[in-house]
Each structure stands twice: as C-alpha cells, then as structure tokens.
Amino acid sequence: MDFRDDVDLDASQVEDRGGGGLSGGGIAVGGGLIGIIALAAAVFFGVNPAELLNGGGSRPADPSPASNLGAQCKKGSDADQSDKCRVVGVVNSVQRYWQDAFTERGKEPYRTARTILFSGAVTTGCGRAGSAVGPFYCPADRRIYIDLGFFEELQSRFGAKGGPFAQAYVIAHEYGHHVQNLIGTTRRVGNDRKGADSASVRLELQADCYAGVWAKNAIDTGFYERPFTDADIQEALDAAAAVGDDRIQERAQGRVDPEGWTHGSSRQRVKWFTTGYRTGAPARCDTFSGSL
C-alpha cells in the first residue's frame, strides 16, 4: 500500500484534535463499528456499554495537543511515513472515488465529510463519546471520528493481524456510512436494529461492500503507486472477520446469539467486502434485497 511520492495531500479533510474533554448529551450514532466495539469493550474492560455510549468508562483524555496536519502532511511520501498522514491519504482517496462516482451516475454532488482524530474523548454533533466506542460516523454533523489507538486494539483485543490496509478498510467503511447518509439509505434502518436479518446488519454489510468498491477503484484516484496487493486485501479481510458479531460474541460470552447481531457475522463481512472488491460497482452492494 504505497502512496505516490509526489501526489498532493489535502489535509483540510482531516482534523487532529489531540486530547479532548467530555460534554453534552448521550451519543446517538448511526452506523460504524460503534455497537460491536461497545459490546466487546464492556466485556474486556468490565464496564457498562451504556456508559461507553455516554462517554463514561473511557480512558482519560490524552493531554497531547492537536497538531497542524497541513504542515505535516503535504505529499504522498509523508503518508508512507506517518500514521496521521496515512489517514489523510486514505481519506483523500476514498472521497476522490466517491466524488467521481456521484458525478458519473448523475447524482447530486458528493459532499465531503471531515475525519476527526481524537484521543481519549470527543464531543460530536451526536453527543459525547469516549475512545472505547471505536471509529464511528455521526450523521448529525457528517463527520467520521477515529481514535488512532483503536487500531492497536484491533490487534490486541480483537485478534486481527492489523496493518496499513486494515486501517484503510476501517476508514473506507465509515465513509460508506457517509454515502448511505447522503443518498438516504440510513433512514431504512428505523427501529430494526438487532438480529441476523435486521436492517442494521444490512446497512453495515453494505458499508463493508462500499469499502471493497473503493479498494478496487483506488488506483484510479491517483493517490497510489500501484493497485493493492493480495497481502493488502488480506489485511482488510482479516480485520472484517475480526469484528464479526459471531466472533465478538464467542470471545466475549462463549456463545453465538444471532438475535443480538448488529453488524453481521465474520463470514458475511468478508463476503460483502469481497463482493465490492471483485465487482468495483456500488450497484452490486444491494444488501437490502435477498439473503445475506
């Protein structure tokens, strides 16, 4: 996963807030890994998931100050050397793809969404959140929120192998939720939020598929030196499997309960990312029709 050394990065699409305090009401986030991470964190850290969604139970905010990404992340060569600049590069590529895709299909113009990097806790348009909830998309302010410490947790707590493309998969998944919000798909969930055949699971699997679609077309965005390798894609598949509802439940409670699923099984997550990657076509990501 090598960026073109001379490609210009647009750091304005990513904001680094550093450490932050908590304020405001409870979080109400649509989509993302938030539900599954909250469940796992409750078991691993011994806290109430409801507290996580209201900012409680998170580690203290990191006192590190926010950084000026515009000064640090100027070229693709910077993205190959820095985690934060890599996020900028991935975000730029993902949004370039969706801008082009919306234009080609005659849809209303794609509206960019900023990614917010934080440490410890953050206040969002959806309320307050601690780092334990993992990466998430807030429809209210159309922003993606990521504590970079999550990527370490993905390996240490969830058993994923990790790697740069595992990180890219997570980011692309969250931008999939932004696309769903823009075109109105998110509204289809309503109160159907749990169960193996629920609208929530279908929404999450579609975001996985959209992540695969971006991966297939990423070389055309101009940010990468070459198409992704099989090893890159394997990192994404491994990460997708690691956060499947069934694997999380098995690790957390020793049994699998499909009635409690919100994101889909490991097999389903791998299947739909693969569908997106093989076809490269958003239209093939219709998880709301037929079986999963």
C-alpha atoms as a PDB file:
ATOM      1  CA  MET A   1       0.000   0.000   0.000  1.00  0.00           C
ATOM      2  CA  ASP A   2       2.335   2.701  -1.290  1.00  0.00           C
ATOM      3  CA  PHE A   3       1.274   6.262  -1.987  1.00  0.00           C
ATOM      4  CA  ARG A   4       2.652   8.132  -4.945  1.00  0.00           C
ATOM      5  CA  ASP A   5       5.503  10.196  -3.527  1.00  0.00           C
ATOM      6  CA  ASP A   6       4.601  13.341  -5.457  1.00  0.00           C
ATOM      7  CA  VAL A   7       0.829  13.341  -5.035  1.00  0.00           C
ATOM      8  CA  ASP A   8      -0.567  16.343  -3.156  1.00  0.00           C
ATOM      9  CA  LEU A   9      -2.459  15.617   0.069  1.00  0.00           C
ATOM     10  CA  ASP A  10      -5.426  17.706   1.194  1.00  0.00           C
ATOM     11  CA  ALA A  11      -5.028  17.816   4.963  1.00  0.00           C
ATOM     12  CA  SER A  12      -8.111  20.019   5.330  1.00  0.00           C
ATOM     13  CA  GLN A  13     -10.217  16.829   5.117  1.00  0.00           C
ATOM     14  CA  VAL A  14      -8.776  15.608   8.421  1.00  0.00           C
ATOM     15  CA  GLU A  15      -8.647  17.452  11.734  1.00  0.00           C
ATOM     16  CA  ASP A  16      -6.418  16.416  14.610  1.00  0.00           C
ATOM     17  CA  ARG A  17      -7.939  17.499  17.909  1.00  0.00           C
ATOM     18  CA  GLY A  18      -5.496  15.728  20.192  1.00  0.00           C
ATOM     19  CA  GLY A  19      -6.891  15.098  23.681  1.00  0.00           C
ATOM     20  CA  GLY A  20     -10.372  16.368  24.495  1.00  0.00           C
ATOM     21  CA  GLY A  21     -12.841  16.623  27.329  1.00  0.00           C
ATOM     22  CA  LEU A  22     -16.426  15.438  27.570  1.00  0.00           C
ATOM     23  CA  SER A  23     -19.583  17.482  27.490  1.00  0.00           C
ATOM     24  CA  GLY A  24     -23.079  17.332  26.076  1.00  0.00           C
ATOM     25  CA  GLY A  25     -25.682  14.590  25.908  1.00  0.00           C
ATOM     26  CA  GLY A  26     -25.581  10.905  25.139  1.00  0.00           C
ATOM     27  CA  ILE A  27     -24.301   9.806  21.776  1.00  0.00           C
ATOM     28  CA  ALA A  28     -26.697   8.616  19.093  1.00  0.00           C
ATOM     29  CA  VAL A  29     -24.529   7.365  16.272  1.00  0.00           C
ATOM     30  CA  GLY A  30     -25.844   5.753  13.108  1.00  0.00           C
ATOM     31  CA  GLY A  31     -23.604   3.118  11.606  1.00  0.00           C
ATOM     32  CA  GLY A  32     -19.950   2.355  12.060  1.00  0.00           C
ATOM     33  CA  LEU A  33     -18.328  -0.174  14.362  1.00  0.00           C
ATOM     34  CA  ILE A  34     -19.706   1.523  17.448  1.00  0.00           C
ATOM     35  CA  GLY A  35     -22.200  -1.147  18.556  1.00  0.00           C
ATOM     36  CA  ILE A  36     -19.840  -4.074  18.279  1.00  0.00           C
ATOM     37  CA  ILE A  37     -16.952  -2.225  19.915  1.00  0.00           C
ATOM     38  CA  ALA A  38     -19.158  -1.171  22.819  1.00  0.00           C
ATOM     39  CA  LEU A  39     -20.188  -4.789  23.386  1.00  0.00           C
ATOM     40  CA  ALA A  40     -16.625  -6.035  23.316  1.00  0.00           C
ATOM     41  CA  ALA A  41     -15.336  -3.206  25.486  1.00  0.00           C
ATOM     42  CA  ALA A  42     -17.955  -3.998  28.107  1.00  0.00           C
ATOM     43  CA  VAL A  43     -16.512  -7.490  28.474  1.00  0.00           C
ATOM     44  CA  PHE A  44     -12.832  -6.721  28.096  1.00  0.00           C
ATOM     45  CA  PHE A  45     -12.811  -3.599  30.242  1.00  0.00           C
ATOM     46  CA  GLY A  46     -15.552  -4.536  32.695  1.00  0.00           C
ATOM     47  CA  VAL A  47     -17.814  -1.546  32.081  1.00  0.00           C
ATOM     48  CA  ASN A  48     -21.416  -0.971  31.103  1.00  0.00           C
ATOM     49  CA  PRO A  49     -21.900  -0.466  27.326  1.00  0.00           C
ATOM     50  CA  ALA A  50     -24.443   2.267  28.071  1.00  0.00           C
ATOM     51  CA  GLU A  51     -21.745   4.170  29.923  1.00  0.00           C
ATOM     52  CA  LEU A  52     -19.427   3.912  26.936  1.00  0.00           C
ATOM     53  CA  LEU A  53     -22.025   5.495  24.697  1.00  0.00           C
ATOM     54  CA  ASN A  54     -22.333   8.399  27.103  1.00  0.00           C
ATOM     55  CA  GLY A  55     -18.631   8.973  27.422  1.00  0.00           C
ATOM     56  CA  GLY A  56     -18.156   7.114  30.679  1.00  0.00           C
ATOM     57  CA  GLY A  57     -15.680   4.313  31.156  1.00  0.00           C
ATOM     58  CA  SER A  58     -13.215   5.649  28.622  1.00  0.00           C
ATOM     59  CA  ARG A  59      -9.573   6.198  29.346  1.00  0.00           C
ATOM     60  CA  PRO A  60      -8.652   9.756  30.354  1.00  0.00           C
ATOM     61  CA  ALA A  61      -8.121  12.186  27.556  1.00  0.00           C
ATOM     62  CA  ASP A  62      -4.583  12.268  26.263  1.00  0.00           C
ATOM     63  CA  PRO A  63      -3.104  15.676  27.131  1.00  0.00           C
ATOM     64  CA  SER A  64      -1.207  15.782  23.831  1.00  0.00           C
ATOM     65  CA  PRO A  65      -2.073  18.928  21.874  1.00  0.00           C
ATOM     66  CA  ALA A  66      -3.692  18.989  18.473  1.00  0.00           C
ATOM     67  CA  SER A  67      -1.276  19.071  15.559  1.00  0.00           C
ATOM     68  CA  ASN A  68      -1.246  21.037  12.330  1.00  0.00           C
ATOM     69  CA  LEU A  69      -1.683  18.315   9.746  1.00  0.00           C
ATOM     70  CA  GLY A  70      -1.384  20.829   6.939  1.00  0.00           C
ATOM     71  CA  ALA A  71       2.251  21.396   7.865  1.00  0.00           C
ATOM     72  CA  GLN A  72       3.000  17.685   8.331  1.00  0.00           C
ATOM     73  CA  CYS A  73       1.065  16.001   5.539  1.00  0.00           C
ATOM     74  CA  LYS A  74       1.817  17.591   2.188  1.00  0.00           C
ATOM     75  CA  LYS A  75       2.816  14.760  -0.148  1.00  0.00           C
ATOM     76  CA  GLY A  76       2.193  11.066  -0.589  1.00  0.00           C
ATOM     77  CA  SER A  77       5.693  10.405   0.733  1.00  0.00           C
ATOM     78  CA  ASP A  78       4.508  11.828   4.075  1.00  0.00           C
ATOM     79  CA  ALA A  79       1.604   9.339   4.096  1.00  0.00           C
ATOM     80  CA  ASP A  80       4.100   6.479   3.814  1.00  0.00           C
ATOM     81  CA  GLN A  81       5.951   7.709   6.886  1.00  0.00           C
ATOM     82  CA  SER A  82       3.257   8.852   9.351  1.00  0.00           C
ATOM     83  CA  ASP A  83       0.089   7.226  10.705  1.00  0.00           C
ATOM     84  CA  LYS A  84      -1.795  10.521  10.716  1.00  0.00           C
ATOM     85  CA  CYS A  85      -0.670  11.419   7.214  1.00  0.00           C
ATOM     86  CA  ARG A  86      -1.669   7.932   6.072  1.00  0.00           C
ATOM     87  CA  VAL A  87      -5.168   8.666   7.350  1.00  0.00           C
ATOM     88  CA  VAL A  88      -5.133  11.888   5.312  1.00  0.00           C
ATOM     89  CA  GLY A  89      -4.071   9.983   2.204  1.00  0.00           C
ATOM     90  CA  VAL A  90      -6.729   7.291   2.614  1.00  0.00           C
ATOM     91  CA  VAL A  91      -9.447   9.863   3.302  1.00  0.00           C
ATOM     92  CA  ASN A  92      -8.405  11.853   0.223  1.00  0.00           C
ATOM     93  CA  SER A  93      -8.511   8.741  -1.962  1.00  0.00           C
ATOM     94  CA  VAL A  94     -11.842   7.478  -0.630  1.00  0.00           C
ATOM     95  CA  GLN A  95     -13.506  10.855  -1.107  1.00  0.00           C
ATOM     96  CA  ARG A  96     -11.997  11.327  -4.566  1.00  0.00           C
ATOM     97  CA  TYR A  97     -13.531   7.990  -5.567  1.00  0.00           C
ATOM     98  CA  TRP A  98     -16.987   8.908  -4.278  1.00  0.00           C
ATOM     99  CA  GLN A  99     -16.841  12.360  -5.848  1.00  0.00           C
ATOM    100  CA  ASP A 100     -16.188  10.733  -9.224  1.00  0.00           C
ATOM    101  CA  ALA A 101     -18.785   8.001  -8.657  1.00  0.00           C
ATOM    102  CA  PHE A 102     -21.525  10.506  -7.833  1.00  0.00           C
ATOM    103  CA  THR A 103     -20.640  12.559 -10.910  1.00  0.00           C
ATOM    104  CA  GLU A 104     -20.626   9.553 -13.241  1.00  0.00           C
ATOM    105  CA  ARG A 105     -24.043   8.419 -12.062  1.00  0.00           C
ATOM    106  CA  GLY A 106     -25.627  11.844 -12.370  1.00  0.00           C
ATOM    107  CA  LYS A 107     -26.389  12.056  -8.662  1.00  0.00           C
ATOM    108  CA  GLU A 108     -26.313  15.271  -6.692  1.00  0.00           C
ATOM    109  CA  PRO A 109     -22.735  16.335  -5.975  1.00  0.00           C
ATOM    110  CA  TYR A 110     -20.895  14.368  -3.326  1.00  0.00           C
ATOM    111  CA  ARG A 111     -20.405  16.377  -0.144  1.00  0.00           C
ATOM    112  CA  THR A 112     -17.108  15.774   1.588  1.00  0.00           C
ATOM    113  CA  ALA A 113     -17.005  14.661   5.212  1.00  0.00           C
ATOM    114  CA  ARG A 114     -14.172  15.547   7.544  1.00  0.00           C
ATOM    115  CA  THR A 115     -12.439  12.917   9.656  1.00  0.00           C
ATOM    116  CA  ILE A 116     -11.689  13.946  13.235  1.00  0.00           C
ATOM    117  CA  LEU A 117      -8.730  12.351  15.019  1.00  0.00           C
ATOM    118  CA  PHE A 118      -9.037  12.440  18.778  1.00  0.00           C
ATOM    119  CA  SER A 119      -7.555  10.852  21.847  1.00  0.00           C
ATOM    120  CA  GLY A 120      -9.493   9.775  24.914  1.00  0.00           C
ATOM    121  CA  ALA A 121     -12.792  11.530  24.314  1.00  0.00           C
ATOM    122  CA  VAL A 122     -14.538  13.818  21.877  1.00  0.00           C
ATOM    123  CA  THR A 123     -17.664  15.966  21.613  1.00  0.00           C
ATOM    124  CA  THR A 124     -19.624  15.446  18.399  1.00  0.00           C
ATOM    125  CA  GLY A 125     -22.840  16.521  16.757  1.00  0.00           C
ATOM    126  CA  CYS A 126     -24.287  13.229  18.030  1.00  0.00           C
ATOM    127  CA  GLY A 127     -23.220  13.875  21.625  1.00  0.00           C
ATOM    128  CA  ARG A 128     -20.137  12.827  23.541  1.00  0.00           C
ATOM    129  CA  ALA A 129     -18.060   9.705  23.078  1.00  0.00           C
ATOM    130  CA  GLY A 130     -15.090   8.018  24.702  1.00  0.00           C
ATOM    131  CA  SER A 131     -12.358   6.205  22.829  1.00  0.00           C
ATOM    132  CA  ALA A 132     -13.758   2.795  23.780  1.00  0.00           C
ATOM    133  CA  VAL A 133     -16.595   3.102  21.250  1.00  0.00           C
ATOM    134  CA  GLY A 134     -14.172   2.785  18.347  1.00  0.00           C
ATOM    135  CA  PRO A 135     -14.388   4.595  14.988  1.00  0.00           C
ATOM    136  CA  PHE A 136     -17.831   5.912  14.097  1.00  0.00           C
ATOM    137  CA  TYR A 137     -19.740   8.177  11.737  1.00  0.00           C
ATOM    138  CA  CYS A 138     -22.044  10.874  13.098  1.00  0.00           C
ATOM    139  CA  PRO A 139     -24.893  11.675  10.675  1.00  0.00           C
ATOM    140  CA  ALA A 140     -25.770  14.872  12.559  1.00  0.00           C
ATOM    141  CA  ASP A 141     -22.505  16.637  11.732  1.00  0.00           C
ATOM    142  CA  ARG A 142     -21.445  14.361   8.832  1.00  0.00           C
ATOM    143  CA  ARG A 143     -18.058  13.577  10.326  1.00  0.00           C
ATOM    144  CA  ILE A 144     -16.046  10.453  10.993  1.00  0.00           C
ATOM    145  CA  TYR A 145     -14.383  10.129  14.397  1.00  0.00           C
ATOM    146  CA  ILE A 146     -11.307   7.983  14.990  1.00  0.00           C
ATOM    147  CA  ASP A 147      -9.061   7.448  17.985  1.00  0.00           C
ATOM    148  CA  LEU A 148      -5.906   6.033  16.392  1.00  0.00           C
ATOM    149  CA  GLY A 149      -5.445   3.844  19.474  1.00  0.00           C
ATOM    150  CA  PHE A 150      -8.297   1.722  18.118  1.00  0.00           C
ATOM    151  CA  PHE A 151      -6.008   0.199  15.517  1.00  0.00           C
ATOM    152  CA  GLU A 152      -3.835  -1.212  18.297  1.00  0.00           C
ATOM    153  CA  GLU A 153      -6.973  -2.555  19.984  1.00  0.00           C
ATOM    154  CA  LEU A 154      -7.986  -4.198  16.723  1.00  0.00           C
ATOM    155  CA  GLN A 155      -4.918  -6.391  17.092  1.00  0.00           C
ATOM    156  CA  SER A 156      -4.552  -6.759  20.855  1.00  0.00           C
ATOM    157  CA  ARG A 157      -8.240  -7.166  21.760  1.00  0.00           C
ATOM    158  CA  PHE A 158      -9.906  -8.463  18.608  1.00  0.00           C
ATOM    159  CA  GLY A 159      -7.140 -10.666  17.261  1.00  0.00           C
ATOM    160  CA  ALA A 160      -6.744  -9.010  13.876  1.00  0.00           C
ATOM    161  CA  LYS A 161      -3.335  -9.001  12.223  1.00  0.00           C
ATOM    162  CA  GLY A 162      -3.564  -5.264  11.637  1.00  0.00           C
ATOM    163  CA  GLY A 163      -1.511  -3.350   9.106  1.00  0.00           C
ATOM    164  CA  PRO A 164      -1.967  -0.208   6.990  1.00  0.00           C
ATOM    165  CA  PHE A 165      -4.695  -1.676   4.820  1.00  0.00           C
ATOM    166  CA  ALA A 166      -6.680  -2.870   7.820  1.00  0.00           C
ATOM    167  CA  GLN A 167      -6.736   0.789   8.837  1.00  0.00           C
ATOM    168  CA  ALA A 168      -7.764   1.818   5.332  1.00  0.00           C
ATOM    169  CA  TYR A 169     -10.644  -0.692   5.405  1.00  0.00           C
ATOM    170  CA  VAL A 170     -11.990   0.799   8.642  1.00  0.00           C
ATOM    171  CA  ILE A 171     -11.824   4.343   7.235  1.00  0.00           C
ATOM    172  CA  ALA A 172     -13.453   3.316   3.944  1.00  0.00           C
ATOM    173  CA  HIS A 173     -16.214   1.519   5.875  1.00  0.00           C
ATOM    174  CA  GLU A 174     -17.037   4.682   7.811  1.00  0.00           C
ATOM    175  CA  TYR A 175     -17.153   6.718   4.600  1.00  0.00           C
ATOM    176  CA  GLY A 176     -19.535   4.087   3.294  1.00  0.00           C
ATOM    177  CA  HIS A 177     -21.875   5.213   6.057  1.00  0.00           C
ATOM    178  CA  HIS A 178     -21.464   8.802   4.912  1.00  0.00           C
ATOM    179  CA  VAL A 179     -22.523   7.791   1.404  1.00  0.00           C
ATOM    180  CA  GLN A 180     -25.527   5.946   2.843  1.00  0.00           C
ATOM    181  CA  ASN A 181     -26.485   9.077   4.751  1.00  0.00           C
ATOM    182  CA  LEU A 182     -26.193  11.264   1.652  1.00  0.00           C
ATOM    183  CA  ILE A 183     -28.375   9.034  -0.528  1.00  0.00           C
ATOM    184  CA  GLY A 184     -30.925   8.274   2.188  1.00  0.00           C
ATOM    185  CA  THR A 185     -30.179   4.596   2.822  1.00  0.00           C
ATOM    186  CA  THR A 186     -29.551   5.175   6.520  1.00  0.00           C
ATOM    187  CA  ARG A 187     -33.218   6.021   7.042  1.00  0.00           C
ATOM    188  CA  ARG A 188     -34.172   2.466   6.070  1.00  0.00           C
ATOM    189  CA  VAL A 189     -32.916   1.151   9.393  1.00  0.00           C
ATOM    190  CA  GLY A 190     -35.579   2.759  11.562  1.00  0.00           C
ATOM    191  CA  ASN A 191     -36.019   0.657  14.698  1.00  0.00           C
ATOM    192  CA  ASP A 192     -34.861  -2.557  13.031  1.00  0.00           C
ATOM    193  CA  ARG A 193     -31.525  -2.551  14.842  1.00  0.00           C
ATOM    194  CA  LYS A 194     -30.904  -6.128  16.012  1.00  0.00           C
ATOM    195  CA  GLY A 195     -30.962  -9.597  14.540  1.00  0.00           C
ATOM    196  CA  ALA A 196     -29.178 -11.532  11.815  1.00  0.00           C
ATOM    197  CA  ASP A 197     -31.594 -10.271   9.150  1.00  0.00           C
ATOM    198  CA  SER A 198     -32.053  -6.773  10.573  1.00  0.00           C
ATOM    199  CA  ALA A 199     -31.755  -3.536   8.635  1.00  0.00           C
ATOM    200  CA  SER A 200     -28.842  -2.591  10.878  1.00  0.00           C
ATOM    201  CA  VAL A 201     -26.867  -5.634   9.751  1.00  0.00           C
ATOM    202  CA  ARG A 202     -27.749  -4.918   6.117  1.00  0.00           C
ATOM    203  CA  LEU A 203     -26.561  -1.316   6.495  1.00  0.00           C
ATOM    204  CA  GLU A 204     -23.237  -2.409   7.979  1.00  0.00           C
ATOM    205  CA  LEU A 205     -22.631  -5.052   5.334  1.00  0.00           C
ATOM    206  CA  GLN A 206     -23.341  -2.519   2.614  1.00  0.00           C
ATOM    207  CA  ALA A 207     -20.707  -0.217   4.145  1.00  0.00           C
ATOM    208  CA  ASP A 208     -18.273  -3.153   4.010  1.00  0.00           C
ATOM    209  CA  CYS A 209     -19.163  -3.635   0.341  1.00  0.00           C
ATOM    210  CA  TYR A 210     -18.629   0.065  -0.366  1.00  0.00           C
ATOM    211  CA  ALA A 211     -15.191  -0.228   1.263  1.00  0.00           C
ATOM    212  CA  GLY A 212     -14.389  -3.041  -1.160  1.00  0.00           C
ATOM    213  CA  VAL A 213     -15.620  -0.977  -4.106  1.00  0.00           C
ATOM    214  CA  TRP A 214     -13.229   1.829  -3.167  1.00  0.00           C
ATOM    215  CA  ALA A 215     -10.357  -0.644  -2.820  1.00  0.00           C
ATOM    216  CA  LYS A 216     -10.980  -1.910  -6.349  1.00  0.00           C
ATOM    217  CA  ASN A 217     -11.002   1.612  -7.783  1.00  0.00           C
ATOM    218  CA  ALA A 218      -8.412   3.260  -5.542  1.00  0.00           C
ATOM    219  CA  ILE A 219      -5.646   3.206  -8.144  1.00  0.00           C
ATOM    220  CA  ASP A 220      -7.809   5.422 -10.376  1.00  0.00           C
ATOM    221  CA  THR A 221      -7.965   8.132  -7.702  1.00  0.00           C
ATOM    222  CA  GLY A 222      -4.317   8.944  -8.369  1.00  0.00           C
ATOM    223  CA  PHE A 223      -3.080   8.576  -4.818  1.00  0.00           C
ATOM    224  CA  TYR A 224      -1.446   5.149  -5.022  1.00  0.00           C
ATOM    225  CA  GLU A 225       1.683   3.970  -6.790  1.00  0.00           C
ATOM    226  CA  ARG A 226       0.164   0.644  -7.823  1.00  0.00           C
ATOM    227  CA  PRO A 227      -3.002  -1.444  -7.296  1.00  0.00           C
ATOM    228  CA  PHE A 228      -3.344  -3.078  -3.915  1.00  0.00           C
ATOM    229  CA  THR A 229      -1.692  -6.456  -3.483  1.00  0.00           C
ATOM    230  CA  ASP A 230      -3.269  -9.693  -2.307  1.00  0.00           C
ATOM    231  CA  ALA A 231      -1.497  -9.135   1.013  1.00  0.00           C
ATOM    232  CA  ASP A 232      -3.148  -5.707   1.354  1.00  0.00           C
ATOM    233  CA  ILE A 233      -6.596  -7.141   0.688  1.00  0.00           C
ATOM    234  CA  GLN A 234      -5.954  -9.955   3.146  1.00  0.00           C
ATOM    235  CA  GLU A 235      -5.372  -7.362   5.874  1.00  0.00           C
ATOM    236  CA  ALA A 236      -8.818  -5.936   5.167  1.00  0.00           C
ATOM    237  CA  LEU A 237     -10.483  -9.359   5.107  1.00  0.00           C
ATOM    238  CA  ASP A 238      -8.790 -10.292   8.368  1.00  0.00           C
ATOM    239  CA  ALA A 239      -9.976  -7.080  10.022  1.00  0.00           C
ATOM    240  CA  ALA A 240     -13.520  -7.575   8.691  1.00  0.00           C
ATOM    241  CA  ALA A 241     -13.608 -11.106  10.096  1.00  0.00           C
ATOM    242  CA  ALA A 242     -12.193  -9.998  13.453  1.00  0.00           C
ATOM    243  CA  VAL A 243     -15.124  -7.654  14.098  1.00  0.00           C
ATOM    244  CA  GLY A 244     -17.876 -10.023  13.005  1.00  0.00           C
ATOM    245  CA  ASP A 245     -20.702 -10.281  15.523  1.00  0.00           C
ATOM    246  CA  ASP A 246     -20.292 -14.031  15.916  1.00  0.00           C
ATOM    247  CA  ARG A 247     -16.569 -13.850  16.629  1.00  0.00           C
ATOM    248  CA  ILE A 248     -17.034 -10.996  19.098  1.00  0.00           C
ATOM    249  CA  GLN A 249     -19.820 -12.854  20.892  1.00  0.00           C
ATOM    250  CA  GLU A 250     -17.817 -16.068  21.019  1.00  0.00           C
ATOM    251  CA  ARG A 251     -14.838 -14.289  22.575  1.00  0.00           C
ATOM    252  CA  ALA A 252     -16.987 -12.217  24.907  1.00  0.00           C
ATOM    253  CA  GLN A 253     -19.575 -14.694  26.164  1.00  0.00           C
ATOM    254  CA  GLY A 254     -18.587 -18.107  24.850  1.00  0.00           C
ATOM    255  CA  ARG A 255     -21.620 -18.487  22.599  1.00  0.00           C
ATOM    256  CA  VAL A 256     -23.170 -17.003  19.468  1.00  0.00           C
ATOM    257  CA  ASP A 257     -26.588 -15.317  19.556  1.00  0.00           C
ATOM    258  CA  PRO A 258     -27.729 -14.163  16.089  1.00  0.00           C
ATOM    259  CA  GLU A 259     -30.675 -12.345  17.643  1.00  0.00           C
ATOM    260  CA  GLY A 260     -28.206  -9.851  19.088  1.00  0.00           C
ATOM    261  CA  TRP A 261     -26.315  -9.152  15.867  1.00  0.00           C
ATOM    262  CA  THR A 262     -25.991  -5.566  14.678  1.00  0.00           C
ATOM    263  CA  HIS A 263     -23.131  -5.756  12.151  1.00  0.00           C
ATOM    264  CA  GLY A 264     -23.148  -9.227  10.623  1.00  0.00           C
ATOM    265  CA  SER A 265     -21.085 -12.374  11.010  1.00  0.00           C
ATOM    266  CA  SER A 266     -17.407 -12.694  10.120  1.00  0.00           C
ATOM    267  CA  ARG A 267     -18.347 -14.676   7.020  1.00  0.00           C
ATOM    268  CA  GLN A 268     -20.853 -12.042   5.901  1.00  0.00           C
ATOM    269  CA  ARG A 269     -18.464  -9.158   6.426  1.00  0.00           C
ATOM    270  CA  VAL A 270     -15.769 -10.884   4.410  1.00  0.00           C
ATOM    271  CA  LYS A 271     -18.301 -11.836   1.727  1.00  0.00           C
ATOM    272  CA  TRP A 272     -19.592  -8.310   1.196  1.00  0.00           C
ATOM    273  CA  PHE A 273     -16.193  -6.614   1.232  1.00  0.00           C
ATOM    274  CA  THR A 274     -15.117  -9.197  -1.331  1.00  0.00           C
ATOM    275  CA  THR A 275     -18.233  -8.544  -3.431  1.00  0.00           C
ATOM    276  CA  GLY A 276     -17.387  -4.864  -3.567  1.00  0.00           C
ATOM    277  CA  TYR A 277     -13.745  -5.539  -4.359  1.00  0.00           C
ATOM    278  CA  ARG A 278     -14.414  -8.068  -7.113  1.00  0.00           C
ATOM    279  CA  THR A 279     -17.053  -6.007  -8.897  1.00  0.00           C
ATOM    280  CA  GLY A 280     -15.906  -2.461  -8.175  1.00  0.00           C
ATOM    281  CA  ALA A 281     -19.542  -1.402  -8.599  1.00  0.00           C
ATOM    282  CA  PRO A 282     -21.658   0.273  -5.881  1.00  0.00           C
ATOM    283  CA  ALA A 283     -24.800  -1.105  -7.558  1.00  0.00           C
ATOM    284  CA  ARG A 284     -23.659  -4.618  -6.586  1.00  0.00           C
ATOM    285  CA  CYS A 285     -23.820  -3.646  -2.919  1.00  0.00           C
ATOM    286  CA  ASP A 286     -27.586  -4.026  -2.543  1.00  0.00           C
ATOM    287  CA  THR A 287     -27.638  -5.809   0.797  1.00  0.00           C
ATOM    288  CA  PHE A 288     -31.259  -4.806   1.379  1.00  0.00           C
ATOM    289  CA  SER A 289     -32.575  -7.268  -1.213  1.00  0.00           C
ATOM    290  CA  GLY A 290     -32.459 -11.025  -0.800  1.00  0.00           C
ATOM    291  CA  SER A 291     -30.380 -13.150   1.541  1.00  0.00           C
ATOM    292  CA  LEU A 292     -27.144 -12.093   3.155  1.00  0.00           C
END
